[in-house]
Amino acid sequence: SHHIKAWTLALHQVADLSGVTCKVKS
């Protein structure tokens, strides 16, 4: 479906960006 393809792409793209990770013990 269009939704699944768009969501999968968006998740992949955002995860490729430099971001901030907040781990459980932080």
mmCIF file of all heavy atoms, coordinates in Angstrom:
data_MODEL
# 
_entry.id   MODEL 
# 
loop_
_atom_site.group_PDB 
_atom_site.id 
_atom_site.type_symbol 
_atom_site.label_atom_id 
_atom_site.label_alt_id 
_atom_site.label_comp_id 
_atom_site.label_asym_id 
_atom_site.label_entity_id 
_atom_site.label_seq_id 
_atom_site.pdbx_PDB_ins_code 
_atom_site.Cartn_x 
_atom_site.Cartn_y 
_atom_site.Cartn_z 
_atom_site.occupancy 
_atom_site.B_iso_or_equiv 
_atom_site.pdbx_formal_charge 
_atom_site.auth_seq_id 
_atom_site.auth_comp_id 
_atom_site.auth_asym_id 
_atom_site.auth_atom_id 
_atom_site.pdbx_PDB_model_num 
ATOM 1   N N   . SER A 1 1  ? 0.829  -1.207 0.000  1.00 0.00 ? 1  SER A N   1 
ATOM 2   C CA  . SER A 1 1  ? 0.000  0.000  0.000  1.00 0.00 ? 1  SER A CA  1 
ATOM 3   C C   . SER A 1 1  ? 0.867  1.261  0.000  1.00 0.00 ? 1  SER A C   1 
ATOM 4   O O   . SER A 1 1  ? 2.026  1.252  0.413  1.00 0.00 ? 1  SER A O   1 
ATOM 5   C CB  . SER A 1 1  ? -0.935 0.023  1.211  1.00 0.00 ? 1  SER A CB  1 
ATOM 6   O OG  . SER A 1 1  ? -0.233 0.445  2.359  1.00 0.00 ? 1  SER A OG  1 
ATOM 7   N N   . HIS A 1 2  ? 0.267  2.331  -0.456 1.00 0.00 ? 2  HIS A N   1 
ATOM 8   C CA  . HIS A 1 2  ? 0.937  3.636  -0.482 1.00 0.00 ? 2  HIS A CA  1 
ATOM 9   C C   . HIS A 1 2  ? 1.373  4.040  0.933  1.00 0.00 ? 2  HIS A C   1 
ATOM 10  O O   . HIS A 1 2  ? 2.476  4.557  1.127  1.00 0.00 ? 2  HIS A O   1 
ATOM 11  C CB  . HIS A 1 2  ? 0.004  4.692  -1.083 1.00 0.00 ? 2  HIS A CB  1 
ATOM 12  C CG  . HIS A 1 2  ? 0.493  6.082  -0.899 1.00 0.00 ? 2  HIS A CG  1 
ATOM 13  N ND1 . HIS A 1 2  ? 1.578  6.574  -1.585 1.00 0.00 ? 2  HIS A ND1 1 
ATOM 14  C CD2 . HIS A 1 2  ? 0.069  7.080  -0.083 1.00 0.00 ? 2  HIS A CD2 1 
ATOM 15  C CE1 . HIS A 1 2  ? 1.803  7.826  -1.206 1.00 0.00 ? 2  HIS A CE1 1 
ATOM 16  N NE2 . HIS A 1 2  ? 0.889  8.150  -0.308 1.00 0.00 ? 2  HIS A NE2 1 
ATOM 17  N N   . HIS A 1 3  ? 0.496  3.800  1.916  1.00 0.00 ? 3  HIS A N   1 
ATOM 18  C CA  . HIS A 1 3  ? 0.811  4.159  3.303  1.00 0.00 ? 3  HIS A CA  1 
ATOM 19  C C   . HIS A 1 3  ? 2.078  3.453  3.783  1.00 0.00 ? 3  HIS A C   1 
ATOM 20  O O   . HIS A 1 3  ? 2.975  4.097  4.330  1.00 0.00 ? 3  HIS A O   1 
ATOM 21  C CB  . HIS A 1 3  ? -0.340 3.790  4.249  1.00 0.00 ? 3  HIS A CB  1 
ATOM 22  C CG  . HIS A 1 3  ? -1.556 4.634  4.094  1.00 0.00 ? 3  HIS A CG  1 
ATOM 23  N ND1 . HIS A 1 3  ? -1.586 5.975  4.365  1.00 0.00 ? 3  HIS A ND1 1 
ATOM 24  C CD2 . HIS A 1 3  ? -2.807 4.301  3.690  1.00 0.00 ? 3  HIS A CD2 1 
ATOM 25  C CE1 . HIS A 1 3  ? -2.790 6.449  4.151  1.00 0.00 ? 3  HIS A CE1 1 
ATOM 26  N NE2 . HIS A 1 3  ? -3.557 5.446  3.728  1.00 0.00 ? 3  HIS A NE2 1 
ATOM 27  N N   . ILE A 1 4  ? 2.125  2.158  3.609  1.00 0.00 ? 4  ILE A N   1 
ATOM 28  C CA  . ILE A 1 4  ? 3.268  1.368  4.100  1.00 0.00 ? 4  ILE A CA  1 
ATOM 29  C C   . ILE A 1 4  ? 4.559  1.842  3.445  1.00 0.00 ? 4  ILE A C   1 
ATOM 30  O O   . ILE A 1 4  ? 5.574  2.030  4.115  1.00 0.00 ? 4  ILE A O   1 
ATOM 31  C CB  . ILE A 1 4  ? 3.047  -0.144 3.843  1.00 0.00 ? 4  ILE A CB  1 
ATOM 32  C CG1 . ILE A 1 4  ? 1.792  -0.651 4.577  1.00 0.00 ? 4  ILE A CG1 1 
ATOM 33  C CG2 . ILE A 1 4  ? 4.280  -0.946 4.236  1.00 0.00 ? 4  ILE A CG2 1 
ATOM 34  C CD1 . ILE A 1 4  ? 1.827  -0.514 6.084  1.00 0.00 ? 4  ILE A CD1 1 
ATOM 35  N N   . LYS A 1 5  ? 4.526  2.049  2.136  1.00 0.00 ? 5  LYS A N   1 
ATOM 36  C CA  . LYS A 1 5  ? 5.734  2.504  1.429  1.00 0.00 ? 5  LYS A CA  1 
ATOM 37  C C   . LYS A 1 5  ? 6.174  3.876  1.922  1.00 0.00 ? 5  LYS A C   1 
ATOM 38  O O   . LYS A 1 5  ? 7.365  4.114  2.149  1.00 0.00 ? 5  LYS A O   1 
ATOM 39  C CB  . LYS A 1 5  ? 5.480  2.533  -0.081 1.00 0.00 ? 5  LYS A CB  1 
ATOM 40  C CG  . LYS A 1 5  ? 5.375  1.150  -0.678 1.00 0.00 ? 5  LYS A CG  1 
ATOM 41  C CD  . LYS A 1 5  ? 5.067  1.210  -2.160 1.00 0.00 ? 5  LYS A CD  1 
ATOM 42  C CE  . LYS A 1 5  ? 4.952  -0.204 -2.722 1.00 0.00 ? 5  LYS A CE  1 
ATOM 43  N NZ  . LYS A 1 5  ? 4.639  -0.199 -4.149 1.00 0.00 ? 5  LYS A NZ  1 
ATOM 44  N N   . ALA A 1 6  ? 5.226  4.798  2.103  1.00 0.00 ? 6  ALA A N   1 
ATOM 45  C CA  . ALA A 1 6  ? 5.559  6.152  2.560  1.00 0.00 ? 6  ALA A CA  1 
ATOM 46  C C   . ALA A 1 6  ? 6.103  6.123  3.992  1.00 0.00 ? 6  ALA A C   1 
ATOM 47  O O   . ALA A 1 6  ? 7.086  6.804  4.306  1.00 0.00 ? 6  ALA A O   1 
ATOM 48  C CB  . ALA A 1 6  ? 4.328  7.053  2.472  1.00 0.00 ? 6  ALA A CB  1 
ATOM 49  N N   . TRP A 1 7  ? 5.467  5.345  4.869  1.00 0.00 ? 7  TRP A N   1 
ATOM 50  C CA  . TRP A 1 7  ? 5.921  5.269  6.255  1.00 0.00 ? 7  TRP A CA  1 
ATOM 51  C C   . TRP A 1 7  ? 7.300  4.640  6.355  1.00 0.00 ? 7  TRP A C   1 
ATOM 52  O O   . TRP A 1 7  ? 8.158  5.103  7.102  1.00 0.00 ? 7  TRP A O   1 
ATOM 53  C CB  . TRP A 1 7  ? 4.921  4.474  7.090  1.00 0.00 ? 7  TRP A CB  1 
ATOM 54  C CG  . TRP A 1 7  ? 3.573  5.122  7.212  1.00 0.00 ? 7  TRP A CG  1 
ATOM 55  C CD1 . TRP A 1 7  ? 3.261  6.440  7.079  1.00 0.00 ? 7  TRP A CD1 1 
ATOM 56  C CD2 . TRP A 1 7  ? 2.350  4.449  7.507  1.00 0.00 ? 7  TRP A CD2 1 
ATOM 57  N NE1 . TRP A 1 7  ? 1.920  6.635  7.259  1.00 0.00 ? 7  TRP A NE1 1 
ATOM 58  C CE2 . TRP A 1 7  ? 1.329  5.436  7.524  1.00 0.00 ? 7  TRP A CE2 1 
ATOM 59  C CE3 . TRP A 1 7  ? 2.000  3.126  7.730  1.00 0.00 ? 7  TRP A CE3 1 
ATOM 60  C CZ2 . TRP A 1 7  ? 0.002  5.127  7.790  1.00 0.00 ? 7  TRP A CZ2 1 
ATOM 61  C CZ3 . TRP A 1 7  ? 0.676  2.821  7.992  1.00 0.00 ? 7  TRP A CZ3 1 
ATOM 62  C CH2 . TRP A 1 7  ? -0.311 3.814  8.024  1.00 0.00 ? 7  TRP A CH2 1 
ATOM 63  N N   . THR A 1 8  ? 7.515  3.557  5.599  1.00 0.00 ? 8  THR A N   1 
ATOM 64  C CA  . THR A 1 8  ? 8.807  2.877  5.617  1.00 0.00 ? 8  THR A CA  1 
ATOM 65  C C   . THR A 1 8  ? 9.913  3.816  5.142  1.00 0.00 ? 8  THR A C   1 
ATOM 66  O O   . THR A 1 8  ? 10.985 3.893  5.762  1.00 0.00 ? 8  THR A O   1 
ATOM 67  C CB  . THR A 1 8  ? 8.758  1.606  4.733  1.00 0.00 ? 8  THR A CB  1 
ATOM 68  O OG1 . THR A 1 8  ? 7.742  0.740  5.256  1.00 0.00 ? 8  THR A OG1 1 
ATOM 69  C CG2 . THR A 1 8  ? 10.083 0.881  4.723  1.00 0.00 ? 8  THR A CG2 1 
ATOM 70  N N   . LEU A 1 9  ? 9.654  4.539  4.077  1.00 0.00 ? 9  LEU A N   1 
ATOM 71  C CA  . LEU A 1 9  ? 10.635 5.480  3.553  1.00 0.00 ? 9  LEU A CA  1 
ATOM 72  C C   . LEU A 1 9  ? 10.923 6.593  4.566  1.00 0.00 ? 9  LEU A C   1 
ATOM 73  O O   . LEU A 1 9  ? 12.084 6.939  4.811  1.00 0.00 ? 9  LEU A O   1 
ATOM 74  C CB  . LEU A 1 9  ? 10.158 6.080  2.228  1.00 0.00 ? 9  LEU A CB  1 
ATOM 75  C CG  . LEU A 1 9  ? 11.080 7.135  1.599  1.00 0.00 ? 9  LEU A CG  1 
ATOM 76  C CD1 . LEU A 1 9  ? 12.449 6.533  1.263  1.00 0.00 ? 9  LEU A CD1 1 
ATOM 77  C CD2 . LEU A 1 9  ? 10.423 7.726  0.363  1.00 0.00 ? 9  LEU A CD2 1 
ATOM 78  N N   . ALA A 1 10 ? 9.877  7.152  5.160  1.00 0.00 ? 10 ALA A N   1 
ATOM 79  C CA  . ALA A 1 10 ? 10.052 8.235  6.137  1.00 0.00 ? 10 ALA A CA  1 
ATOM 80  C C   . ALA A 1 10 ? 10.850 7.762  7.352  1.00 0.00 ? 10 ALA A C   1 
ATOM 81  O O   . ALA A 1 10 ? 11.742 8.475  7.833  1.00 0.00 ? 10 ALA A O   1 
ATOM 82  C CB  . ALA A 1 10 ? 8.698  8.789  6.568  1.00 0.00 ? 10 ALA A CB  1 
ATOM 83  N N   . LEU A 1 11 ? 10.557 6.561  7.846  1.00 0.00 ? 11 LEU A N   1 
ATOM 84  C CA  . LEU A 1 11 ? 11.312 6.022  8.977  1.00 0.00 ? 11 LEU A CA  1 
ATOM 85  C C   . LEU A 1 11 ? 12.776 5.824  8.609  1.00 0.00 ? 11 LEU A C   1 
ATOM 86  O O   . LEU A 1 11 ? 13.676 6.149  9.392  1.00 0.00 ? 11 LEU A O   1 
ATOM 87  C CB  . LEU A 1 11 ? 10.696 4.699  9.456  1.00 0.00 ? 11 LEU A CB  1 
ATOM 88  C CG  . LEU A 1 11 ? 9.363  4.811  10.186 1.00 0.00 ? 11 LEU A CG  1 
ATOM 89  C CD1 . LEU A 1 11 ? 8.708  3.436  10.333 1.00 0.00 ? 11 LEU A CD1 1 
ATOM 90  C CD2 . LEU A 1 11 ? 9.545  5.483  11.546 1.00 0.00 ? 11 LEU A CD2 1 
ATOM 91  N N   . HIS A 1 12 ? 13.018 5.311  7.423  1.00 0.00 ? 12 HIS A N   1 
ATOM 92  C CA  . HIS A 1 12 ? 14.390 5.107  6.960  1.00 0.00 ? 12 HIS A CA  1 
ATOM 93  C C   . HIS A 1 12 ? 15.117 6.452  6.840  1.00 0.00 ? 12 HIS A C   1 
ATOM 94  O O   . HIS A 1 12 ? 16.252 6.601  7.300  1.00 0.00 ? 12 HIS A O   1 
ATOM 95  C CB  . HIS A 1 12 ? 14.393 4.366  5.622  1.00 0.00 ? 12 HIS A CB  1 
ATOM 96  C CG  . HIS A 1 12 ? 15.757 4.009  5.149  1.00 0.00 ? 12 HIS A CG  1 
ATOM 97  N ND1 . HIS A 1 12 ? 16.429 2.895  5.601  1.00 0.00 ? 12 HIS A ND1 1 
ATOM 98  C CD2 . HIS A 1 12 ? 16.602 4.641  4.299  1.00 0.00 ? 12 HIS A CD2 1 
ATOM 99  C CE1 . HIS A 1 12 ? 17.627 2.855  5.034  1.00 0.00 ? 12 HIS A CE1 1 
ATOM 100 N NE2 . HIS A 1 12 ? 17.748 3.906  4.237  1.00 0.00 ? 12 HIS A NE2 1 
ATOM 101 N N   . GLN A 1 13 ? 14.454 7.440  6.244  1.00 0.00 ? 13 GLN A N   1 
ATOM 102 C CA  . GLN A 1 13 ? 15.078 8.746  6.050  1.00 0.00 ? 13 GLN A CA  1 
ATOM 103 C C   . GLN A 1 13 ? 15.383 9.439  7.374  1.00 0.00 ? 13 GLN A C   1 
ATOM 104 O O   . GLN A 1 13 ? 16.473 9.991  7.554  1.00 0.00 ? 13 GLN A O   1 
ATOM 105 C CB  . GLN A 1 13 ? 14.171 9.655  5.208  1.00 0.00 ? 13 GLN A CB  1 
ATOM 106 C CG  . GLN A 1 13 ? 14.104 9.267  3.757  1.00 0.00 ? 13 GLN A CG  1 
ATOM 107 C CD  . GLN A 1 13 ? 13.112 10.114 2.992  1.00 0.00 ? 13 GLN A CD  1 
ATOM 108 O OE1 . GLN A 1 13 ? 12.115 10.608 3.532  1.00 0.00 ? 13 GLN A OE1 1 
ATOM 109 N NE2 . GLN A 1 13 ? 13.372 10.282 1.706  1.00 0.00 ? 13 GLN A NE2 1 
ATOM 110 N N   . VAL A 1 14 ? 14.441 9.421  8.302  1.00 0.00 ? 14 VAL A N   1 
ATOM 111 C CA  . VAL A 1 14 ? 14.669 10.120 9.569  1.00 0.00 ? 14 VAL A CA  1 
ATOM 112 C C   . VAL A 1 14 ? 15.767 9.440  10.377 1.00 0.00 ? 14 VAL A C   1 
ATOM 113 O O   . VAL A 1 14 ? 16.552 10.096 11.058 1.00 0.00 ? 14 VAL A O   1 
ATOM 114 C CB  . VAL A 1 14 ? 13.357 10.281 10.384 1.00 0.00 ? 14 VAL A CB  1 
ATOM 115 C CG1 . VAL A 1 14 ? 12.954 8.980  11.082 1.00 0.00 ? 14 VAL A CG1 1 
ATOM 116 C CG2 . VAL A 1 14 ? 13.494 11.412 11.391 1.00 0.00 ? 14 VAL A CG2 1 
ATOM 117 N N   . ALA A 1 15 ? 15.859 8.129  10.269 1.00 0.00 ? 15 ALA A N   1 
ATOM 118 C CA  . ALA A 1 15 ? 16.898 7.399  11.012 1.00 0.00 ? 15 ALA A CA  1 
ATOM 119 C C   . ALA A 1 15 ? 18.281 7.628  10.410 1.00 0.00 ? 15 ALA A C   1 
ATOM 120 O O   . ALA A 1 15 ? 19.288 7.417  11.085 1.00 0.00 ? 15 ALA A O   1 
ATOM 121 C CB  . ALA A 1 15 ? 16.573 5.909  11.057 1.00 0.00 ? 15 ALA A CB  1 
ATOM 122 N N   . ASP A 1 16 ? 18.326 8.056  9.150  1.00 0.00 ? 16 ASP A N   1 
ATOM 123 C CA  . ASP A 1 16 ? 19.612 8.368  8.518  1.00 0.00 ? 16 ASP A CA  1 
ATOM 124 C C   . ASP A 1 16 ? 20.124 9.751  8.889  1.00 0.00 ? 16 ASP A C   1 
ATOM 125 O O   . ASP A 1 16 ? 21.273 10.084 8.601  1.00 0.00 ? 16 ASP A O   1 
ATOM 126 C CB  . ASP A 1 16 ? 19.497 8.272  6.992  1.00 0.00 ? 16 ASP A CB  1 
ATOM 127 C CG  . ASP A 1 16 ? 19.611 6.837  6.499  1.00 0.00 ? 16 ASP A CG  1 
ATOM 128 O OD1 . ASP A 1 16 ? 20.050 5.968  7.275  1.00 0.00 ? 16 ASP A OD1 1 
ATOM 129 O OD2 . ASP A 1 16 ? 19.265 6.581  5.329  1.00 0.00 ? 16 ASP A OD2 1 
ATOM 130 N N   . LEU A 1 17 ? 19.276 10.571 9.518  1.00 0.00 ? 17 LEU A N   1 
ATOM 131 C CA  . LEU A 1 17 ? 19.696 11.912 9.919  1.00 0.00 ? 17 LEU A CA  1 
ATOM 132 C C   . LEU A 1 17 ? 20.435 11.852 11.250 1.00 0.00 ? 17 LEU A C   1 
ATOM 133 O O   . LEU A 1 17 ? 20.161 10.998 12.092 1.00 0.00 ? 17 LEU A O   1 
ATOM 134 C CB  . LEU A 1 17 ? 18.486 12.838 10.047 1.00 0.00 ? 17 LEU A CB  1 
ATOM 135 C CG  . LEU A 1 17 ? 17.682 13.090 8.784  1.00 0.00 ? 17 LEU A CG  1 
ATOM 136 C CD1 . LEU A 1 17 ? 16.448 13.927 9.114  1.00 0.00 ? 17 LEU A CD1 1 
ATOM 137 C CD2 . LEU A 1 17 ? 18.535 13.775 7.736  1.00 0.00 ? 17 LEU A CD2 1 
ATOM 138 N N   . SER A 1 18 ? 21.323 12.779 11.428 1.00 0.00 ? 18 SER A N   1 
ATOM 139 C CA  . SER A 1 18 ? 22.022 12.905 12.707 1.00 0.00 ? 18 SER A CA  1 
ATOM 140 C C   . SER A 1 18 ? 21.017 13.381 13.741 1.00 0.00 ? 18 SER A C   1 
ATOM 141 O O   . SER A 1 18 ? 20.301 14.363 13.517 1.00 0.00 ? 18 SER A O   1 
ATOM 142 C CB  . SER A 1 18 ? 23.163 13.906 12.555 1.00 0.00 ? 18 SER A CB  1 
ATOM 143 O OG  . SER A 1 18 ? 23.780 14.111 13.788 1.00 0.00 ? 18 SER A OG  1 
ATOM 144 N N   . GLY A 1 19 ? 20.963 12.689 14.851 1.00 0.00 ? 19 GLY A N   1 
ATOM 145 C CA  . GLY A 1 19 ? 19.995 13.043 15.876 1.00 0.00 ? 19 GLY A CA  1 
ATOM 146 C C   . GLY A 1 19 ? 20.569 12.864 17.265 1.00 0.00 ? 19 GLY A C   1 
ATOM 147 O O   . GLY A 1 19 ? 21.775 12.760 17.449 1.00 0.00 ? 19 GLY A O   1 
ATOM 148 N N   . VAL A 1 20 ? 19.680 12.826 18.229 1.00 0.00 ? 20 VAL A N   1 
ATOM 149 C CA  . VAL A 1 20 ? 20.045 12.668 19.634 1.00 0.00 ? 20 VAL A CA  1 
ATOM 150 C C   . VAL A 1 20 ? 19.474 11.351 20.116 1.00 0.00 ? 20 VAL A C   1 
ATOM 151 O O   . VAL A 1 20 ? 18.296 11.066 19.883 1.00 0.00 ? 20 VAL A O   1 
ATOM 152 C CB  . VAL A 1 20 ? 19.499 13.834 20.485 1.00 0.00 ? 20 VAL A CB  1 
ATOM 153 C CG1 . VAL A 1 20 ? 19.803 13.624 21.951 1.00 0.00 ? 20 VAL A CG1 1 
ATOM 154 C CG2 . VAL A 1 20 ? 20.052 15.171 19.988 1.00 0.00 ? 20 VAL A CG2 1 
ATOM 155 N N   . THR A 1 21 ? 20.307 10.555 20.772 1.00 0.00 ? 21 THR A N   1 
ATOM 156 C CA  . THR A 1 21 ? 19.841 9.288  21.324 1.00 0.00 ? 21 THR A CA  1 
ATOM 157 C C   . THR A 1 21 ? 19.745 9.420  22.841 1.00 0.00 ? 21 THR A C   1 
ATOM 158 O O   . THR A 1 21 ? 20.689 9.846  23.492 1.00 0.00 ? 21 THR A O   1 
ATOM 159 C CB  . THR A 1 21 ? 20.798 8.139  20.951 1.00 0.00 ? 21 THR A CB  1 
ATOM 160 O OG1 . THR A 1 21 ? 20.880 8.067  19.529 1.00 0.00 ? 21 THR A OG1 1 
ATOM 161 C CG2 . THR A 1 21 ? 20.301 6.809  21.494 1.00 0.00 ? 21 THR A CG2 1 
ATOM 162 N N   . CYS A 1 22 ? 18.594 9.063  23.359 1.00 0.00 ? 22 CYS A N   1 
ATOM 163 C CA  . CYS A 1 22 ? 18.351 9.098  24.804 1.00 0.00 ? 22 CYS A CA  1 
ATOM 164 C C   . CYS A 1 22 ? 18.166 7.654  25.259 1.00 0.00 ? 22 CYS A C   1 
ATOM 165 O O   . CYS A 1 22 ? 17.119 7.057  25.043 1.00 0.00 ? 22 CYS A O   1 
ATOM 166 C CB  . CYS A 1 22 ? 17.104 9.934  25.089 1.00 0.00 ? 22 CYS A CB  1 
ATOM 167 S SG  . CYS A 1 22 ? 16.734 10.101 26.842 1.00 0.00 ? 22 CYS A SG  1 
ATOM 168 N N   . LYS A 1 23 ? 19.200 7.105  25.834 1.00 0.00 ? 23 LYS A N   1 
ATOM 169 C CA  . LYS A 1 23 ? 19.166 5.707  26.267 1.00 0.00 ? 23 LYS A CA  1 
ATOM 170 C C   . LYS A 1 23 ? 18.392 5.554  27.572 1.00 0.00 ? 23 LYS A C   1 
ATOM 171 O O   . LYS A 1 23 ? 18.105 6.538  28.254 1.00 0.00 ? 23 LYS A O   1 
ATOM 172 C CB  . LYS A 1 23 ? 20.584 5.181  26.405 1.00 0.00 ? 23 LYS A CB  1 
ATOM 173 C CG  . LYS A 1 23 ? 21.349 5.236  25.084 1.00 0.00 ? 23 LYS A CG  1 
ATOM 174 C CD  . LYS A 1 23 ? 22.569 4.367  25.130 1.00 0.00 ? 23 LYS A CD  1 
ATOM 175 C CE  . LYS A 1 23 ? 23.319 4.441  23.828 1.00 0.00 ? 23 LYS A CE  1 
ATOM 176 N NZ  . LYS A 1 23 ? 22.790 3.624  22.786 1.00 0.00 ? 23 LYS A NZ  1 
ATOM 177 N N   . VAL A 1 24 ? 18.092 4.322  27.924 1.00 0.00 ? 24 VAL A N   1 
ATOM 178 C CA  . VAL A 1 24 ? 17.300 4.044  29.126 1.00 0.00 ? 24 VAL A CA  1 
ATOM 179 C C   . VAL A 1 24 ? 17.967 4.620  30.374 1.00 0.00 ? 24 VAL A C   1 
ATOM 180 O O   . VAL A 1 24 ? 17.326 5.280  31.169 1.00 0.00 ? 24 VAL A O   1 
ATOM 181 C CB  . VAL A 1 24 ? 17.059 2.524  29.281 1.00 0.00 ? 24 VAL A CB  1 
ATOM 182 C CG1 . VAL A 1 24 ? 16.355 2.223  30.585 1.00 0.00 ? 24 VAL A CG1 1 
ATOM 183 C CG2 . VAL A 1 24 ? 16.255 1.995  28.102 1.00 0.00 ? 24 VAL A CG2 1 
ATOM 184 N N   . LYS A 1 25 ? 19.240 4.386  30.520 1.00 0.00 ? 25 LYS A N   1 
ATOM 185 C CA  . LYS A 1 25 ? 19.951 4.885  31.703 1.00 0.00 ? 25 LYS A CA  1 
ATOM 186 C C   . LYS A 1 25 ? 20.771 6.113  31.315 1.00 0.00 ? 25 LYS A C   1 
ATOM 187 O O   . LYS A 1 25 ? 21.977 6.039  31.111 1.00 0.00 ? 25 LYS A O   1 
ATOM 188 C CB  . LYS A 1 25 ? 20.846 3.803  32.289 1.00 0.00 ? 25 LYS A CB  1 
ATOM 189 C CG  . LYS A 1 25 ? 20.061 2.664  32.896 1.00 0.00 ? 25 LYS A CG  1 
ATOM 190 C CD  . LYS A 1 25 ? 20.952 1.693  33.614 1.00 0.00 ? 25 LYS A CD  1 
ATOM 191 C CE  . LYS A 1 25 ? 20.102 0.596  34.230 1.00 0.00 ? 25 LYS A CE  1 
ATOM 192 N NZ  . LYS A 1 25 ? 20.853 -0.275 35.093 1.00 0.00 ? 25 LYS A NZ  1 
ATOM 193 N N   . SER A 1 26 ? 20.074 7.242  31.197 1.00 0.00 ? 26 SER A N   1 
ATOM 194 C CA  . SER A 1 26 ? 20.754 8.495  30.874 1.00 0.00 ? 26 SER A CA  1 
ATOM 195 C C   . SER A 1 26 ? 20.062 9.631  31.616 1.00 0.00 ? 26 SER A C   1 
ATOM 196 O O   . SER A 1 26 ? 18.904 9.515  32.012 1.00 0.00 ? 26 SER A O   1 
ATOM 197 C CB  . SER A 1 26 ? 20.755 8.739  29.372 1.00 0.00 ? 26 SER A CB  1 
ATOM 198 O OG  . SER A 1 26 ? 19.443 8.782  28.878 1.00 0.00 ? 26 SER A OG  1 
# 
